[in-house]
């Protein structure tokens, strides 16, 4: 390849990099680039996302500009002979350590300065004792929803009791089960109180699912055979979508449910109008 051809390729690379960047910015400004409007107390997650995005963006631009420069600067020359540059252990170690240090720095910034460690501890720590409880169970391809009754306790469930008439396997011999409010797969609405801690208890009947509420920045896997948990505080009244973020089969795209956030009084009023499990399964 001639020197002129090499320089042309370097300029061509730079041209398409700039053109691609402009096109990307245009698409972002036209269609939006961020998650839906934040409606919970997890603003720290947004700060971490934006910070990492900015750092990665700066590194990407610098590396692409450097690549264009080197292609242009060190263009091929027919008079120059190729030579072999042997690798050295010291250089390999250095170029392994530098990215590692950068990753550790980003983690440290996220954890200590942006609150990543504190929100992790909060989410996986003990929720407030007065939190609003609700259980969601994933199955191919819908969500079942269960609320505790006036006693504030969920009744026991047993997989051996699962049947067409009792899809969650609720043990009706348990007194705590009789006032539970149950919505079979695909039939319920997730009603949550405004400005009040909410604890989601998450189950799965078949494969791994992952309930995801983008507006709340909430996502937690549903694993067969165990109960996972997450908690948060809804901050804005309105209607949102509960989706599944785990590819769980051919009907994965249908696996969504409506989430409604209302003041606690309206949620309690709505719950009082629902039929308890004792009147359905007994």
C-alpha atoms as a PDB file:
ATOM      1  CA  UNK A   1       0.000   0.000   0.000  1.00  0.00           C
ATOM      2  CA  UNK A   2       1.408   3.408  -0.958  1.00  0.00           C
ATOM      3  CA  UNK A   3       1.907   6.282   1.443  1.00  0.00           C
ATOM      4  CA  UNK A   4      -0.866   8.286  -0.222  1.00  0.00           C
ATOM      5  CA  UNK A   5      -3.269   5.337   0.049  1.00  0.00           C
ATOM      6  CA  UNK A   6      -2.502   4.929   3.760  1.00  0.00           C
ATOM      7  CA  UNK A   7      -3.083   8.623   4.443  1.00  0.00           C
ATOM      8  CA  UNK A   8      -6.303   8.493   2.451  1.00  0.00           C
ATOM      9  CA  UNK A   9      -7.515   5.547   4.543  1.00  0.00           C
ATOM     10  CA  UNK A  10      -6.645   7.432   7.723  1.00  0.00           C
ATOM     11  CA  UNK A  11      -8.662  10.450   6.621  1.00  0.00           C
ATOM     12  CA  UNK A  12     -11.484   8.167   5.453  1.00  0.00           C
ATOM     13  CA  UNK A  13     -11.565   6.494   8.866  1.00  0.00           C
ATOM     14  CA  UNK A  14     -11.724   9.903  10.574  1.00  0.00           C
ATOM     15  CA  UNK A  15     -14.479  11.052   8.206  1.00  0.00           C
ATOM     16  CA  UNK A  16     -16.731   8.065   8.925  1.00  0.00           C
ATOM     17  CA  UNK A  17     -16.047   8.359  12.655  1.00  0.00           C
ATOM     18  CA  UNK A  18     -17.193  11.991  12.650  1.00  0.00           C
ATOM     19  CA  UNK A  19     -20.152  11.195  10.371  1.00  0.00           C
ATOM     20  CA  UNK A  20     -21.198   8.274  12.581  1.00  0.00           C
ATOM     21  CA  UNK A  21     -20.917  10.430  15.715  1.00  0.00           C
ATOM     22  CA  UNK A  22     -23.083  13.168  14.202  1.00  0.00           C
ATOM     23  CA  UNK A  23     -25.667  10.609  13.054  1.00  0.00           C
ATOM     24  CA  UNK A  24     -25.730   9.013  16.519  1.00  0.00           C
ATOM     25  CA  UNK A  25     -26.241  12.368  18.233  1.00  0.00           C
ATOM     26  CA  UNK A  26     -29.037  13.216  15.786  1.00  0.00           C
ATOM     27  CA  UNK A  27     -30.837   9.920  16.462  1.00  0.00           C
ATOM     28  CA  UNK A  28     -30.477  10.446  20.217  1.00  0.00           C
ATOM     29  CA  UNK A  29     -31.814  14.002  20.100  1.00  0.00           C
ATOM     30  CA  UNK A  30     -34.708  12.941  17.889  1.00  0.00           C
ATOM     31  CA  UNK A  31     -35.798   9.734  19.639  1.00  0.00           C
ATOM     32  CA  UNK A  32     -34.383  10.055  23.144  1.00  0.00           C
ATOM     33  CA  UNK A  33     -31.640   7.949  24.634  1.00  0.00           C
ATOM     34  CA  UNK A  34     -32.405   7.520  28.288  1.00  0.00           C
ATOM     35  CA  UNK A  35     -34.615   5.323  30.433  1.00  0.00           C
ATOM     36  CA  UNK A  36     -38.225   6.383  31.077  1.00  0.00           C
ATOM     37  CA  UNK A  37     -38.868   9.129  33.611  1.00  0.00           C
ATOM     38  CA  UNK A  38     -37.689   8.183  37.105  1.00  0.00           C
ATOM     39  CA  UNK A  39     -40.643   7.522  39.426  1.00  0.00           C
ATOM     40  CA  UNK A  40     -38.959   6.012  42.502  1.00  0.00           C
ATOM     41  CA  UNK A  41     -36.259   6.737  45.086  1.00  0.00           C
ATOM     42  CA  UNK A  42     -33.470   5.129  43.021  1.00  0.00           C
ATOM     43  CA  UNK A  43     -31.984   8.296  41.514  1.00  0.00           C
ATOM     44  CA  UNK A  44     -28.510   7.044  42.487  1.00  0.00           C
ATOM     45  CA  UNK A  45     -28.727   4.419  39.727  1.00  0.00           C
ATOM     46  CA  UNK A  46     -29.210   7.180  37.139  1.00  0.00           C
ATOM     47  CA  UNK A  47     -26.163   9.075  38.448  1.00  0.00           C
ATOM     48  CA  UNK A  48     -23.999   5.955  38.140  1.00  0.00           C
ATOM     49  CA  UNK A  49     -25.246   5.213  34.622  1.00  0.00           C
ATOM     50  CA  UNK A  50     -24.569   8.767  33.412  1.00  0.00           C
ATOM     51  CA  UNK A  51     -21.101   8.916  34.994  1.00  0.00           C
ATOM     52  CA  UNK A  52     -19.974   5.629  33.433  1.00  0.00           C
ATOM     53  CA  UNK A  53     -21.489   6.674  30.099  1.00  0.00           C
ATOM     54  CA  UNK A  54     -19.516   9.934  30.119  1.00  0.00           C
ATOM     55  CA  UNK A  55     -16.229   8.224  31.057  1.00  0.00           C
ATOM     56  CA  UNK A  56     -16.689   5.517  28.412  1.00  0.00           C
ATOM     57  CA  UNK A  57     -17.685   8.131  25.815  1.00  0.00           C
ATOM     58  CA  UNK A  58     -14.566  10.240  26.417  1.00  0.00           C
ATOM     59  CA  UNK A  59     -12.308   7.173  26.208  1.00  0.00           C
ATOM     60  CA  UNK A  60     -14.035   6.037  23.013  1.00  0.00           C
ATOM     61  CA  UNK A  61     -13.589   9.423  21.284  1.00  0.00           C
ATOM     62  CA  UNK A  62      -9.933   9.713  22.343  1.00  0.00           C
ATOM     63  CA  UNK A  63      -9.122   6.180  21.181  1.00  0.00           C
ATOM     64  CA  UNK A  64     -10.782   6.676  17.786  1.00  0.00           C
ATOM     65  CA  UNK A  65      -9.010   9.999  17.231  1.00  0.00           C
ATOM     66  CA  UNK A  66      -5.694   8.422  18.198  1.00  0.00           C
ATOM     67  CA  UNK A  67      -6.299   5.537  15.793  1.00  0.00           C
ATOM     68  CA  UNK A  68      -7.046   7.977  12.955  1.00  0.00           C
ATOM     69  CA  UNK A  69      -3.924   9.965  13.773  1.00  0.00           C
ATOM     70  CA  UNK A  70      -1.632   6.936  13.776  1.00  0.00           C
ATOM     71  CA  UNK A  71      -3.052   5.642  10.484  1.00  0.00           C
ATOM     72  CA  UNK A  72      -2.364   9.021   8.901  1.00  0.00           C
ATOM     73  CA  UNK A  73       0.952   9.771  10.649  1.00  0.00           C
ATOM     74  CA  UNK A  74       2.628   6.434  10.043  1.00  0.00           C
ATOM     75  CA  UNK A  75       1.446   5.844   6.494  1.00  0.00           C
ATOM     76  CA  UNK A  76       2.998   3.050   4.466  1.00  0.00           C
ATOM     77  CA  UNK A  77       6.161   3.829   2.516  1.00  0.00           C
ATOM     78  CA  UNK A  78       7.604   1.534  -0.173  1.00  0.00           C
ATOM     79  CA  UNK A  79      11.111   2.657   0.805  1.00  0.00           C
ATOM     80  CA  UNK A  80      10.642   1.598   4.439  1.00  0.00           C
ATOM     81  CA  UNK A  81      11.360  -2.005   5.345  1.00  0.00           C
ATOM     82  CA  UNK A  82       9.152  -3.852   7.746  1.00  0.00           C
ATOM     83  CA  UNK A  83      10.760  -4.885  11.002  1.00  0.00           C
ATOM     84  CA  UNK A  84       9.847  -7.255  13.792  1.00  0.00           C
ATOM     85  CA  UNK A  85       9.051  -5.748  17.185  1.00  0.00           C
ATOM     86  CA  UNK A  86       9.255  -8.464  19.837  1.00  0.00           C
ATOM     87  CA  UNK A  87       6.848  -8.384  22.742  1.00  0.00           C
ATOM     88  CA  UNK A  88       8.097  -7.924  26.270  1.00  0.00           C
ATOM     89  CA  UNK A  89       6.664  -9.239  29.494  1.00  0.00           C
ATOM     90  CA  UNK A  90       6.961  -5.824  31.168  1.00  0.00           C
ATOM     91  CA  UNK A  91       4.902  -4.111  28.472  1.00  0.00           C
ATOM     92  CA  UNK A  92       2.255  -6.847  28.532  1.00  0.00           C
ATOM     93  CA  UNK A  93       1.981  -6.544  32.312  1.00  0.00           C
ATOM     94  CA  UNK A  94       1.758  -2.738  32.020  1.00  0.00           C
ATOM     95  CA  UNK A  95      -1.033  -2.858  29.444  1.00  0.00           C
ATOM     96  CA  UNK A  96      -2.884  -5.395  31.588  1.00  0.00           C
ATOM     97  CA  UNK A  97      -2.573  -3.285  34.731  1.00  0.00           C
ATOM     98  CA  UNK A  98      -3.684   0.034  33.181  1.00  0.00           C
ATOM     99  CA  UNK A  99      -7.201  -1.124  32.123  1.00  0.00           C
ATOM    100  CA  UNK A 100      -7.553  -2.904  35.459  1.00  0.00           C
ATOM    101  CA  UNK A 101      -6.704   0.277  37.355  1.00  0.00           C
ATOM    102  CA  UNK A 102      -9.204   2.217  35.237  1.00  0.00           C
ATOM    103  CA  UNK A 103     -11.973  -0.296  35.979  1.00  0.00           C
ATOM    104  CA  UNK A 104     -11.188  -0.190  39.712  1.00  0.00           C
ATOM    105  CA  UNK A 105     -11.282   3.624  39.639  1.00  0.00           C
ATOM    106  CA  UNK A 106     -14.696   3.598  37.965  1.00  0.00           C
ATOM    107  CA  UNK A 107     -15.962   1.094  40.524  1.00  0.00           C
ATOM    108  CA  UNK A 108     -14.606   3.207  43.363  1.00  0.00           C
ATOM    109  CA  UNK A 109     -16.205   6.357  41.976  1.00  0.00           C
ATOM    110  CA  UNK A 110     -19.541   4.555  41.573  1.00  0.00           C
ATOM    111  CA  UNK A 111     -19.429   2.908  44.993  1.00  0.00           C
ATOM    112  CA  UNK A 112     -18.048   5.676  47.205  1.00  0.00           C
ATOM    113  CA  UNK A 113     -18.669   9.024  45.524  1.00  0.00           C
ATOM    114  CA  UNK A 114     -21.960   8.340  43.739  1.00  0.00           C
ATOM    115  CA  UNK A 115     -23.570   6.201  46.437  1.00  0.00           C
ATOM    116  CA  UNK A 116     -23.447   2.818  44.700  1.00  0.00           C
ATOM    117  CA  UNK A 117     -22.372   0.985  47.848  1.00  0.00           C
ATOM    118  CA  UNK A 118     -25.033   2.629  49.974  1.00  0.00           C
ATOM    119  CA  UNK A 119     -27.887   1.899  47.574  1.00  0.00           C
ATOM    120  CA  UNK A 120     -26.709  -1.716  47.223  1.00  0.00           C
ATOM    121  CA  UNK A 121     -26.756  -2.057  51.001  1.00  0.00           C
ATOM    122  CA  UNK A 122     -30.152  -0.374  51.162  1.00  0.00           C
ATOM    123  CA  UNK A 123     -31.773  -2.584  48.517  1.00  0.00           C
ATOM    124  CA  UNK A 124     -30.402  -5.807  49.982  1.00  0.00           C
ATOM    125  CA  UNK A 125     -30.754  -4.752  53.602  1.00  0.00           C
ATOM    126  CA  UNK A 126     -33.818  -4.912  55.795  1.00  0.00           C
ATOM    127  CA  UNK A 127     -36.771  -2.876  54.465  1.00  0.00           C
ATOM    128  CA  UNK A 128     -38.871  -0.682  56.774  1.00  0.00           C
ATOM    129  CA  UNK A 129     -41.201  -2.695  58.992  1.00  0.00           C
ATOM    130  CA  UNK A 130     -44.264  -0.801  57.779  1.00  0.00           C
ATOM    131  CA  UNK A 131     -43.510  -1.562  54.118  1.00  0.00           C
ATOM    132  CA  UNK A 132     -46.356  -2.494  51.777  1.00  0.00           C
ATOM    133  CA  UNK A 133     -46.076  -6.191  50.855  1.00  0.00           C
ATOM    134  CA  UNK A 134     -46.935  -7.715  47.498  1.00  0.00           C
ATOM    135  CA  UNK A 135     -45.908 -11.004  45.903  1.00  0.00           C
ATOM    136  CA  UNK A 136     -45.483 -11.569  42.171  1.00  0.00           C
ATOM    137  CA  UNK A 137     -45.033 -14.996  40.602  1.00  0.00           C
ATOM    138  CA  UNK A 138     -43.768 -15.451  37.073  1.00  0.00           C
ATOM    139  CA  UNK A 139     -44.783 -18.245  34.761  1.00  0.00           C
ATOM    140  CA  UNK A 140     -44.763 -18.706  31.006  1.00  0.00           C
ATOM    141  CA  UNK A 141     -46.006 -16.125  30.073  1.00  0.00           C
ATOM    142  CA  UNK A 142     -47.699 -13.906  32.653  1.00  0.00           C
ATOM    143  CA  UNK A 143     -47.507 -12.636  36.224  1.00  0.00           C
ATOM    144  CA  UNK A 144     -49.633 -13.756  39.161  1.00  0.00           C
ATOM    145  CA  UNK A 145     -50.094 -11.176  41.909  1.00  0.00           C
ATOM    146  CA  UNK A 146     -50.884 -11.776  45.585  1.00  0.00           C
ATOM    147  CA  UNK A 147     -51.534  -9.272  48.370  1.00  0.00           C
ATOM    148  CA  UNK A 148     -51.744 -10.119  52.077  1.00  0.00           C
ATOM    149  CA  UNK A 149     -55.099  -9.538  53.680  1.00  0.00           C
ATOM    150  CA  UNK A 150     -55.895  -7.374  56.717  1.00  0.00           C
ATOM    151  CA  UNK A 151     -53.634  -9.566  58.883  1.00  0.00           C
ATOM    152  CA  UNK A 152     -50.628  -8.362  56.869  1.00  0.00           C
ATOM    153  CA  UNK A 153     -49.336 -11.936  56.415  1.00  0.00           C
ATOM    154  CA  UNK A 154     -49.076 -14.201  53.408  1.00  0.00           C
ATOM    155  CA  UNK A 155     -50.452 -17.694  53.756  1.00  0.00           C
ATOM    156  CA  UNK A 156     -48.272 -20.706  53.050  1.00  0.00           C
ATOM    157  CA  UNK A 157     -47.919 -22.123  49.553  1.00  0.00           C
ATOM    158  CA  UNK A 158     -46.994 -25.638  48.528  1.00  0.00           C
ATOM    159  CA  UNK A 159     -46.056 -26.701  44.974  1.00  0.00           C
ATOM    160  CA  UNK A 160     -47.852 -29.993  45.576  1.00  0.00           C
ATOM    161  CA  UNK A 161     -51.128 -28.088  45.889  1.00  0.00           C
ATOM    162  CA  UNK A 162     -50.829 -26.337  42.521  1.00  0.00           C
ATOM    163  CA  UNK A 163     -53.764 -27.144  40.276  1.00  0.00           C
ATOM    164  CA  UNK A 164     -55.942 -25.505  37.665  1.00  0.00           C
ATOM    165  CA  UNK A 165     -58.235 -24.186  40.417  1.00  0.00           C
ATOM    166  CA  UNK A 166     -55.335 -23.237  42.724  1.00  0.00           C
ATOM    167  CA  UNK A 167     -52.560 -21.966  40.405  1.00  0.00           C
ATOM    168  CA  UNK A 168     -50.273 -20.725  43.195  1.00  0.00           C
ATOM    169  CA  UNK A 169     -50.679 -23.784  45.428  1.00  0.00           C
ATOM    170  CA  UNK A 170     -52.084 -21.819  48.372  1.00  0.00           C
ATOM    171  CA  UNK A 171     -52.470 -23.903  51.515  1.00  0.00           C
ATOM    172  CA  UNK A 172     -55.982 -23.077  52.668  1.00  0.00           C
ATOM    173  CA  UNK A 173     -55.445 -24.933  55.941  1.00  0.00           C
ATOM    174  CA  UNK A 174     -53.293 -21.980  56.969  1.00  0.00           C
ATOM    175  CA  UNK A 175     -55.461 -19.292  58.563  1.00  0.00           C
ATOM    176  CA  UNK A 176     -53.234 -16.561  57.108  1.00  0.00           C
ATOM    177  CA  UNK A 177     -54.162 -17.726  53.587  1.00  0.00           C
ATOM    178  CA  UNK A 178     -57.879 -17.098  53.803  1.00  0.00           C
ATOM    179  CA  UNK A 179     -57.727 -13.304  53.572  1.00  0.00           C
ATOM    180  CA  UNK A 180     -55.001 -13.173  50.901  1.00  0.00           C
ATOM    181  CA  UNK A 181     -56.025 -11.440  47.688  1.00  0.00           C
ATOM    182  CA  UNK A 182     -54.944 -13.433  44.652  1.00  0.00           C
ATOM    183  CA  UNK A 183     -54.941 -12.625  40.955  1.00  0.00           C
ATOM    184  CA  UNK A 184     -54.086 -15.578  38.670  1.00  0.00           C
ATOM    185  CA  UNK A 185     -51.558 -15.167  35.870  1.00  0.00           C
ATOM    186  CA  UNK A 186     -52.369 -12.292  33.552  1.00  0.00           C
ATOM    187  CA  UNK A 187     -55.481 -11.155  35.447  1.00  0.00           C
ATOM    188  CA  UNK A 188     -54.183  -8.731  38.041  1.00  0.00           C
ATOM    189  CA  UNK A 189     -52.955  -5.171  38.389  1.00  0.00           C
ATOM    190  CA  UNK A 190     -50.008  -4.258  40.584  1.00  0.00           C
ATOM    191  CA  UNK A 191     -51.378  -1.496  42.820  1.00  0.00           C
ATOM    192  CA  UNK A 192     -48.685   0.294  44.852  1.00  0.00           C
ATOM    193  CA  UNK A 193     -48.900   3.141  47.391  1.00  0.00           C
ATOM    194  CA  UNK A 194     -47.369   6.525  46.675  1.00  0.00           C
ATOM    195  CA  UNK A 195     -44.416   7.678  48.825  1.00  0.00           C
ATOM    196  CA  UNK A 196     -44.479   4.486  50.856  1.00  0.00           C
ATOM    197  CA  UNK A 197     -41.900   1.648  50.963  1.00  0.00           C
ATOM    198  CA  UNK A 198     -42.913  -1.344  48.835  1.00  0.00           C
ATOM    199  CA  UNK A 199     -41.461  -4.850  49.238  1.00  0.00           C
ATOM    200  CA  UNK A 200     -41.758  -7.195  46.252  1.00  0.00           C
ATOM    201  CA  UNK A 201     -41.499 -10.891  47.039  1.00  0.00           C
ATOM    202  CA  UNK A 202     -40.675 -12.649  43.783  1.00  0.00           C
ATOM    203  CA  UNK A 203     -41.280 -16.278  42.777  1.00  0.00           C
ATOM    204  CA  UNK A 204     -41.216 -18.376  39.606  1.00  0.00           C
ATOM    205  CA  UNK A 205     -43.224 -21.489  38.731  1.00  0.00           C
ATOM    206  CA  UNK A 206     -41.128 -22.721  35.817  1.00  0.00           C
ATOM    207  CA  UNK A 207     -38.044 -20.947  34.416  1.00  0.00           C
ATOM    208  CA  UNK A 208     -35.996 -17.886  35.365  1.00  0.00           C
ATOM    209  CA  UNK A 209     -37.949 -14.668  34.857  1.00  0.00           C
ATOM    210  CA  UNK A 210     -36.912 -11.130  35.727  1.00  0.00           C
ATOM    211  CA  UNK A 211     -39.562  -8.591  36.731  1.00  0.00           C
ATOM    212  CA  UNK A 212     -38.485  -5.170  35.477  1.00  0.00           C
ATOM    213  CA  UNK A 213     -40.210  -1.837  36.106  1.00  0.00           C
ATOM    214  CA  UNK A 214     -38.117   0.671  34.106  1.00  0.00           C
ATOM    215  CA  UNK A 215     -39.616   3.800  35.679  1.00  0.00           C
ATOM    216  CA  UNK A 216     -38.683   2.546  39.135  1.00  0.00           C
ATOM    217  CA  UNK A 217     -35.215   1.243  38.098  1.00  0.00           C
ATOM    218  CA  UNK A 218     -36.285  -2.067  39.645  1.00  0.00           C
ATOM    219  CA  UNK A 219     -35.162  -5.429  38.271  1.00  0.00           C
ATOM    220  CA  UNK A 220     -34.703  -8.669  40.202  1.00  0.00           C
ATOM    221  CA  UNK A 221     -34.555 -12.252  38.908  1.00  0.00           C
ATOM    222  CA  UNK A 222     -37.334 -14.704  39.744  1.00  0.00           C
ATOM    223  CA  UNK A 223     -35.691 -18.074  40.366  1.00  0.00           C
ATOM    224  CA  UNK A 224     -37.623 -21.372  40.581  1.00  0.00           C
ATOM    225  CA  UNK A 225     -37.519 -22.906  44.049  1.00  0.00           C
ATOM    226  CA  UNK A 226     -36.673 -19.742  45.962  1.00  0.00           C
ATOM    227  CA  UNK A 227     -38.096 -16.355  46.947  1.00  0.00           C
ATOM    228  CA  UNK A 228     -36.111 -13.275  45.953  1.00  0.00           C
ATOM    229  CA  UNK A 229     -36.863  -9.788  47.188  1.00  0.00           C
ATOM    230  CA  UNK A 230     -36.397  -6.133  46.411  1.00  0.00           C
ATOM    231  CA  UNK A 231     -37.829  -2.935  47.833  1.00  0.00           C
ATOM    232  CA  UNK A 232     -38.228   0.693  46.766  1.00  0.00           C
ATOM    233  CA  UNK A 233     -40.412   3.769  47.239  1.00  0.00           C
ATOM    234  CA  UNK A 234     -42.719   4.899  44.380  1.00  0.00           C
ATOM    235  CA  UNK A 235     -42.458   8.676  44.079  1.00  0.00           C
ATOM    236  CA  UNK A 236     -44.865   9.599  41.298  1.00  0.00           C
ATOM    237  CA  UNK A 237     -48.530   8.762  40.874  1.00  0.00           C
ATOM    238  CA  UNK A 238     -49.445   7.185  37.553  1.00  0.00           C
ATOM    239  CA  UNK A 239     -49.512   4.024  35.438  1.00  0.00           C
ATOM    240  CA  UNK A 240     -46.379   2.073  34.541  1.00  0.00           C
ATOM    241  CA  UNK A 241     -45.401  -1.263  33.017  1.00  0.00           C
ATOM    242  CA  UNK A 242     -44.056  -4.393  34.661  1.00  0.00           C
ATOM    243  CA  UNK A 243     -42.131  -6.383  32.045  1.00  0.00           C
ATOM    244  CA  UNK A 244     -39.926  -9.476  32.007  1.00  0.00           C
ATOM    245  CA  UNK A 245     -36.238  -8.777  31.323  1.00  0.00           C
ATOM    246  CA  UNK A 246     -35.233 -12.437  30.983  1.00  0.00           C
ATOM    247  CA  UNK A 247     -35.756 -14.303  27.707  1.00  0.00           C
ATOM    248  CA  UNK A 248     -38.078 -16.972  29.097  1.00  0.00           C
ATOM    249  CA  UNK A 249     -39.510 -18.595  25.952  1.00  0.00           C
ATOM    250  CA  UNK A 250     -41.474 -17.916  22.789  1.00  0.00           C
ATOM    251  CA  UNK A 251     -44.134 -15.879  24.582  1.00  0.00           C
ATOM    252  CA  UNK A 252     -41.634 -13.692  26.454  1.00  0.00           C
ATOM    253  CA  UNK A 253     -42.826 -10.570  24.630  1.00  0.00           C
ATOM    254  CA  UNK A 254     -46.327 -10.945  26.109  1.00  0.00           C
ATOM    255  CA  UNK A 255     -45.153 -11.053  29.701  1.00  0.00           C
ATOM    256  CA  UNK A 256     -46.186  -7.666  31.050  1.00  0.00           C
ATOM    257  CA  UNK A 257     -48.584  -6.236  33.584  1.00  0.00           C
ATOM    258  CA  UNK A 258     -49.995  -2.847  34.529  1.00  0.00           C
ATOM    259  CA  UNK A 259     -48.545  -1.055  37.566  1.00  0.00           C
ATOM    260  CA  UNK A 260     -50.682   1.646  39.181  1.00  0.00           C
ATOM    261  CA  UNK A 261     -49.342   4.032  41.834  1.00  0.00           C
ATOM    262  CA  UNK A 262     -51.961   5.767  43.978  1.00  0.00           C
ATOM    263  CA  UNK A 263     -52.083   7.273  47.491  1.00  0.00           C
ATOM    264  CA  UNK A 264     -52.203   4.628  50.235  1.00  0.00           C
ATOM    265  CA  UNK A 265     -55.848   5.393  51.049  1.00  0.00           C
ATOM    266  CA  UNK A 266     -56.949   4.633  47.488  1.00  0.00           C
ATOM    267  CA  UNK A 267     -54.869   1.439  47.355  1.00  0.00           C
ATOM    268  CA  UNK A 268     -56.391   0.197  50.610  1.00  0.00           C
ATOM    269  CA  UNK A 269     -59.869   1.069  49.360  1.00  0.00           C
ATOM    270  CA  UNK A 270     -59.237  -0.891  46.162  1.00  0.00           C
ATOM    271  CA  UNK A 271     -57.948  -3.905  48.118  1.00  0.00           C
ATOM    272  CA  UNK A 272     -61.020  -3.874  50.370  1.00  0.00           C
ATOM    273  CA  UNK A 273     -63.184  -4.329  47.278  1.00  0.00           C
ATOM    274  CA  UNK A 274     -61.380  -7.505  46.141  1.00  0.00           C
ATOM    275  CA  UNK A 275     -62.488 -11.077  46.914  1.00  0.00           C
ATOM    276  CA  UNK A 276     -60.238 -12.881  49.428  1.00  0.00           C
ATOM    277  CA  UNK A 277     -58.751 -16.282  48.641  1.00  0.00           C
ATOM    278  CA  UNK A 278     -60.924 -17.974  51.285  1.00  0.00           C
ATOM    279  CA  UNK A 279     -64.019 -17.164  49.247  1.00  0.00           C
ATOM    280  CA  UNK A 280     -62.431 -18.419  46.020  1.00  0.00           C
ATOM    281  CA  UNK A 281     -60.525 -21.565  46.939  1.00  0.00           C
ATOM    282  CA  UNK A 282     -62.339 -22.768  50.069  1.00  0.00           C
END
